[in-house]
Each structure stands twice: as C-alpha cells, then as structure tokens.
Amino acid sequence: MAIGKVIKANLSEQIYGHLRLALMEGEYRPGERLTISGVAELYGTSITPVREAIMRLASEQVLTFTAATSVVVPELTPRDLREIVAIRDKLEGMAAHRVGQIATPEMVAEFEALNASFIAAAATDPREAAQSNREFHFLILRRAELPYVETICENMWAMMGPFLRTFHERMPVRRLSGQDHQHFRFIDALRQNDAAAAQAAMQADIDWANELIARIEAGES
C-alpha cells in the first residue's frame, strides 16, 4: 500500500513537471483548452495523477478550470503581463546582481555557450530560441543560489511562457540576434564582476517585453 502511494505521488509530480515545462516553453497557446482525459491519454496514465497535477497548476494560477474535467491556458491581459514583468524585473535583477558579484571564468563560459545557442536559434526557430532564452535566465537563478527567488520566478515563467513564445515569433530577428542584445552586456558585466551592470542588463532584457505588450494593447500584429 505504501509503495503504491509513493509511485502515485511520483507520477503526479512527473506530470506536473512536464506540463509546467511545456507551459514555460510555450507549447500551449493562450486560451488553449486541455482536458484531464486528453492529458491522461497523452502520458498513458489514469486520470487521477493528471487531475492532481492540473489542480496544482491551477492553484498556482498557471491554468484555469473551465469545467470539472477541463482547464484553459489563461489569456493574460496587458495589465497581467506588466505585473509579471515587474516581478521578474525585481527578482531576476536581484539574482543577476548576485551572479555579478560571484562570477568566475567557468560561469562566464556557461553563459556564453547558452547565449550562442539562443542567438543561433533566433534566426530560424522561435521555439528553440524561447527554450534557450529560458535556460539562460534559469542559469542566472541557479547560480545566484537564491532558492525562494528561483521558485517565484519559475512560477512567473510558467504563467508567461505562452506569451514569450509569441514574443520570439513576433520580434524581428535583428532585434533578437544583434550584438547589442542585453545578454551580451550581461556577460560582459560578469567578466568584470560588475554586479550593478549585470543587474541593469538583465532588467533591460526583461523590460523589453513591455514593448510587445504595448503593441498587443494597441491592437498591432
């Protein structure tokens, strides 16, 4: 009996993790509907662990129940998006400042490798670009070793993932892949252990999303 409960709990946790990552990476669109039975079929499981995983995501406001057996990916308003951007600005800025203080050549090399993947994908593959960008930002959170900040920011990314996929699809390639991208400024700041510059670069990178939010609010494509 005890073993069964552990397996069940682990399965629910795995489904939760998979769905959360899929949302972060923009695999689901705003307004897209998911059914508990459909997700169970996708993962080849019973509906119980799926329901548990989806209820957990709903409690985090990452999904919204529309019926007893289905949820939708929330369609965030410009105001919602700006609030999330503001939270990320403060918390990821704090993490970037910390990384700027403790950066080593090995850390710099890690960020350079991830940024190279991001720049290469920006020209041809919005999904891959969004994934590489997320990995870049999550590396900052891990290296900062601020676990509460990391947890909050991960939840913000899960909420904002569908929008960020749109961001990478709509922003001109030259804006994403140019040498003036804030990722380069962040890496330069790490080389010099300039914590203030690292924080400023990361906050400028995050705040960039407000440009697309304004375009959406104005009804532009």
Protein backbone atom coordinates (compact mmCIF):
# COMPACT_ATOMS: atom_id res chain seq x y z
CA MET A 1 0.00 0.00 0.00
CA ALA A 2 2.76 2.45 0.98
CA ILE A 3 4.73 1.68 -2.19
CA GLY A 4 1.66 2.30 -4.33
CA LYS A 5 1.16 5.70 -2.74
CA VAL A 6 4.76 6.67 -3.40
CA ILE A 7 4.53 5.63 -7.05
CA LYS A 8 1.28 7.51 -7.46
CA ALA A 9 2.76 10.62 -5.86
CA ASN A 10 5.83 10.42 -8.08
CA LEU A 11 3.70 10.03 -11.20
CA SER A 12 1.64 13.09 -10.33
CA GLU A 13 4.85 15.04 -9.70
CA GLN A 14 6.29 13.96 -13.04
CA ILE A 15 3.17 15.00 -14.95
CA TYR A 16 3.15 18.31 -13.09
CA GLY A 17 6.77 18.90 -14.06
CA HIS A 18 6.19 18.00 -17.71
CA LEU A 19 3.14 20.24 -18.02
CA ARG A 20 4.82 23.12 -16.23
CA LEU A 21 7.85 22.90 -18.50
CA ALA A 22 5.62 22.72 -21.58
CA LEU A 23 3.88 25.90 -20.44
CA MET A 24 7.20 27.63 -19.77
CA GLU A 25 8.37 26.75 -23.27
CA GLY A 26 5.20 28.00 -24.92
CA GLU A 27 4.00 24.63 -26.17
CA TYR A 28 0.46 25.68 -25.27
CA ARG A 29 -1.15 28.85 -26.59
CA PRO A 30 -3.16 31.36 -24.55
CA GLY A 31 -6.78 30.19 -24.49
CA GLU A 32 -5.89 26.62 -25.42
CA ARG A 33 -8.10 24.02 -23.71
CA LEU A 34 -6.75 20.89 -22.04
CA THR A 35 -8.89 18.04 -20.78
CA ILE A 36 -7.89 15.74 -17.98
CA SER A 37 -8.71 12.71 -20.13
CA GLY A 38 -6.69 14.09 -23.04
CA VAL A 39 -3.62 14.69 -20.89
CA ALA A 40 -4.01 11.23 -19.33
CA GLU A 41 -4.07 9.69 -22.81
CA LEU A 42 -1.01 11.74 -23.80
CA TYR A 43 1.02 10.41 -20.87
CA GLY A 44 -0.52 6.93 -20.86
CA THR A 45 -1.78 7.18 -17.29
CA SER A 46 -5.02 7.13 -15.36
CA ILE A 47 -6.84 10.40 -14.77
CA THR A 48 -6.06 10.59 -11.03
CA PRO A 49 -2.40 11.74 -11.22
CA VAL A 50 -3.29 14.06 -14.09
CA ARG A 51 -6.09 15.64 -12.07
CA GLU A 52 -3.72 16.13 -9.14
CA ALA A 53 -1.09 17.75 -11.37
CA ILE A 54 -3.60 20.03 -13.07
CA MET A 55 -5.17 21.05 -9.75
CA ARG A 56 -1.71 22.02 -8.52
CA LEU A 57 -1.07 24.12 -11.63
CA ALA A 58 -4.48 25.74 -11.24
CA SER A 59 -3.68 26.62 -7.63
CA GLU A 60 -0.57 28.40 -8.95
CA GLN A 61 -2.75 30.31 -11.45
CA VAL A 62 -0.88 28.74 -14.35
CA LEU A 63 -4.05 27.02 -15.60
CA THR A 64 -7.72 27.91 -15.08
CA PHE A 65 -10.55 25.42 -14.62
CA THR A 66 -13.47 25.93 -17.00
CA ALA A 67 -15.27 22.73 -16.01
CA ALA A 68 -14.72 19.80 -13.68
CA THR A 69 -12.67 17.97 -16.29
CA SER A 70 -11.00 20.70 -18.34
CA VAL A 71 -8.75 23.73 -17.99
CA VAL A 72 -7.53 26.50 -20.26
CA VAL A 73 -4.25 28.34 -20.56
CA PRO A 74 -5.09 31.82 -19.25
CA GLU A 75 -5.23 34.67 -21.74
CA LEU A 76 -3.33 37.26 -19.75
CA THR A 77 -4.28 40.89 -20.13
CA PRO A 78 -1.64 43.58 -20.76
CA ARG A 79 -2.02 44.55 -17.10
CA ASP A 80 -1.38 40.94 -16.01
CA LEU A 81 1.69 40.74 -18.21
CA ARG A 82 3.11 44.01 -16.94
CA GLU A 83 2.71 42.83 -13.36
CA ILE A 84 4.61 39.62 -14.13
CA VAL A 85 7.32 41.57 -15.96
CA ALA A 86 7.66 43.90 -12.95
CA ILE A 87 8.06 40.95 -10.57
CA ARG A 88 10.65 39.35 -12.80
CA ASP A 89 12.46 42.67 -13.17
CA LYS A 90 12.95 42.98 -9.42
CA LEU A 91 13.71 39.36 -8.58
CA GLU A 92 15.78 38.34 -11.60
CA GLY A 93 17.57 41.67 -11.30
CA MET A 94 18.48 40.71 -7.73
CA ALA A 95 19.73 37.33 -8.92
CA ALA A 96 21.77 38.92 -11.72
CA HIS A 97 23.38 41.29 -9.21
CA ARG A 98 24.37 38.32 -7.05
CA VAL A 99 25.83 36.42 -10.01
CA GLY A 100 27.79 39.54 -10.99
CA GLN A 101 29.41 39.50 -7.57
CA ILE A 102 30.47 35.86 -7.62
CA ALA A 103 31.04 35.19 -11.34
CA THR A 104 34.02 33.03 -12.30
CA PRO A 105 35.50 32.36 -15.75
CA GLU A 106 33.73 29.00 -15.70
CA MET A 107 30.38 30.68 -15.11
CA VAL A 108 31.04 33.14 -17.91
CA ALA A 109 31.74 30.22 -20.26
CA GLU A 110 28.40 28.62 -19.30
CA PHE A 111 26.50 31.79 -20.15
CA GLU A 112 28.42 32.26 -23.40
CA ALA A 113 27.51 28.74 -24.55
CA LEU A 114 23.81 29.20 -23.79
CA ASN A 115 23.75 32.61 -25.42
CA ALA A 116 25.37 31.21 -28.57
CA SER A 117 22.55 28.64 -28.78
CA PHE A 118 19.97 31.38 -28.30
CA ILE A 119 21.44 33.63 -30.99
CA ALA A 120 21.74 30.74 -33.47
CA ALA A 121 18.10 29.76 -32.93
CA ALA A 122 16.71 33.30 -33.05
CA ALA A 123 17.02 33.48 -36.83
CA THR A 124 15.20 30.25 -37.67
CA ASP A 125 13.44 28.59 -34.74
CA PRO A 126 11.33 30.68 -32.31
CA ARG A 127 10.59 27.65 -30.14
CA GLU A 128 14.26 26.79 -29.76
CA ALA A 129 15.10 30.45 -29.16
CA ALA A 130 12.49 30.65 -26.41
CA GLN A 131 13.88 27.50 -24.79
CA SER A 132 17.49 28.71 -24.92
CA ASN A 133 16.45 32.08 -23.53
CA ARG A 134 14.65 30.40 -20.64
CA GLU A 135 17.69 28.25 -19.90
CA PHE A 136 19.87 31.38 -19.87
CA HIS A 137 17.62 33.09 -17.33
CA PHE A 138 17.25 29.95 -15.21
CA LEU A 139 21.03 29.55 -15.10
CA ILE A 140 21.19 33.01 -13.53
CA LEU A 141 18.67 31.91 -10.90
CA ARG A 142 20.58 28.70 -10.14
CA ARG A 143 24.00 30.35 -9.93
CA ALA A 144 22.64 33.09 -7.66
CA GLU A 145 21.66 30.41 -5.11
CA LEU A 146 18.54 32.28 -4.01
CA PRO A 147 16.04 29.39 -3.77
CA TYR A 148 12.96 31.43 -2.84
CA VAL A 149 13.61 33.88 -5.65
CA GLU A 150 14.10 30.94 -8.02
CA THR A 151 10.78 29.35 -7.03
CA ILE A 152 8.80 32.57 -7.50
CA CYS A 153 10.45 33.33 -10.84
CA GLU A 154 9.82 29.82 -12.15
CA ASN A 155 6.13 30.33 -11.46
CA MET A 156 6.20 33.66 -13.29
CA TRP A 157 7.80 31.93 -16.28
CA ALA A 158 5.12 29.23 -16.29
CA MET A 159 2.46 31.94 -16.39
CA MET A 160 4.26 33.94 -19.06
CA GLY A 161 5.58 31.09 -21.23
CA PRO A 162 2.80 31.20 -23.85
CA PHE A 163 3.34 34.96 -24.24
CA LEU A 164 7.13 34.58 -24.51
CA ARG A 165 6.68 32.14 -27.39
CA THR A 166 4.68 34.87 -29.15
CA PHE A 167 7.41 37.36 -28.26
CA HIS A 168 10.06 35.31 -30.05
CA GLU A 169 7.81 34.81 -33.07
CA ARG A 170 6.97 38.49 -33.46
CA MET A 171 10.20 40.27 -32.61
CA PRO A 172 12.39 40.97 -35.67
CA VAL A 173 15.36 38.62 -35.96
CA ARG A 174 17.78 41.54 -36.00
CA ARG A 175 16.48 42.60 -32.58
CA LEU A 176 16.95 39.14 -31.09
CA SER A 177 20.27 38.20 -32.64
CA GLY A 178 22.15 41.50 -32.77
CA GLN A 179 25.34 42.07 -30.83
CA ASP A 180 23.58 44.78 -28.83
CA HIS A 181 21.29 42.20 -27.18
CA GLN A 182 21.30 42.55 -23.40
CA HIS A 183 22.65 39.03 -22.96
CA PHE A 184 25.99 40.24 -24.33
CA ARG A 185 26.01 43.18 -21.92
CA PHE A 186 25.21 40.84 -19.05
CA ILE A 187 28.09 38.52 -19.97
CA ASP A 188 30.48 41.46 -20.31
CA ALA A 189 29.45 42.59 -16.82
CA LEU A 190 30.18 39.11 -15.44
CA ARG A 191 33.68 39.20 -16.90
CA GLN A 192 34.34 42.34 -14.88
CA ASN A 193 32.40 41.22 -11.80
CA ASP A 194 30.34 44.37 -12.22
CA ALA A 195 27.22 43.45 -10.27
CA ALA A 196 25.39 46.70 -10.95
CA ALA A 197 25.93 46.40 -14.71
CA ALA A 198 24.83 42.76 -14.66
CA GLN A 199 21.63 43.74 -12.88
CA ALA A 200 20.97 46.63 -15.27
CA ALA A 201 21.48 44.44 -18.34
CA MET A 202 19.14 41.74 -17.10
CA GLN A 203 16.45 44.20 -16.09
CA ALA A 204 16.67 45.87 -19.51
CA ASP A 205 16.33 42.45 -21.14
CA ILE A 206 13.23 41.61 -19.11
CA ASP A 207 11.64 45.04 -19.55
CA TRP A 208 11.94 44.62 -23.31
CA ALA A 209 8.78 42.51 -23.15
CA ASN A 210 6.82 45.68 -22.38
CA GLU A 211 7.38 46.76 -25.98
CA LEU A 212 5.38 43.82 -27.31
CA ILE A 213 2.79 44.18 -24.56
CA ALA A 214 2.20 47.76 -25.73
CA ARG A 215 1.84 46.58 -29.33
CA ILE A 216 -0.70 43.94 -28.31
CA GLU A 217 -2.62 46.52 -26.29
CA ALA A 218 -2.68 48.82 -29.32
CA GLY A 219 -4.07 46.00 -31.46
CA GLU A 220 -0.95 45.66 -33.58
CA SER A 221 0.08 42.30 -35.02
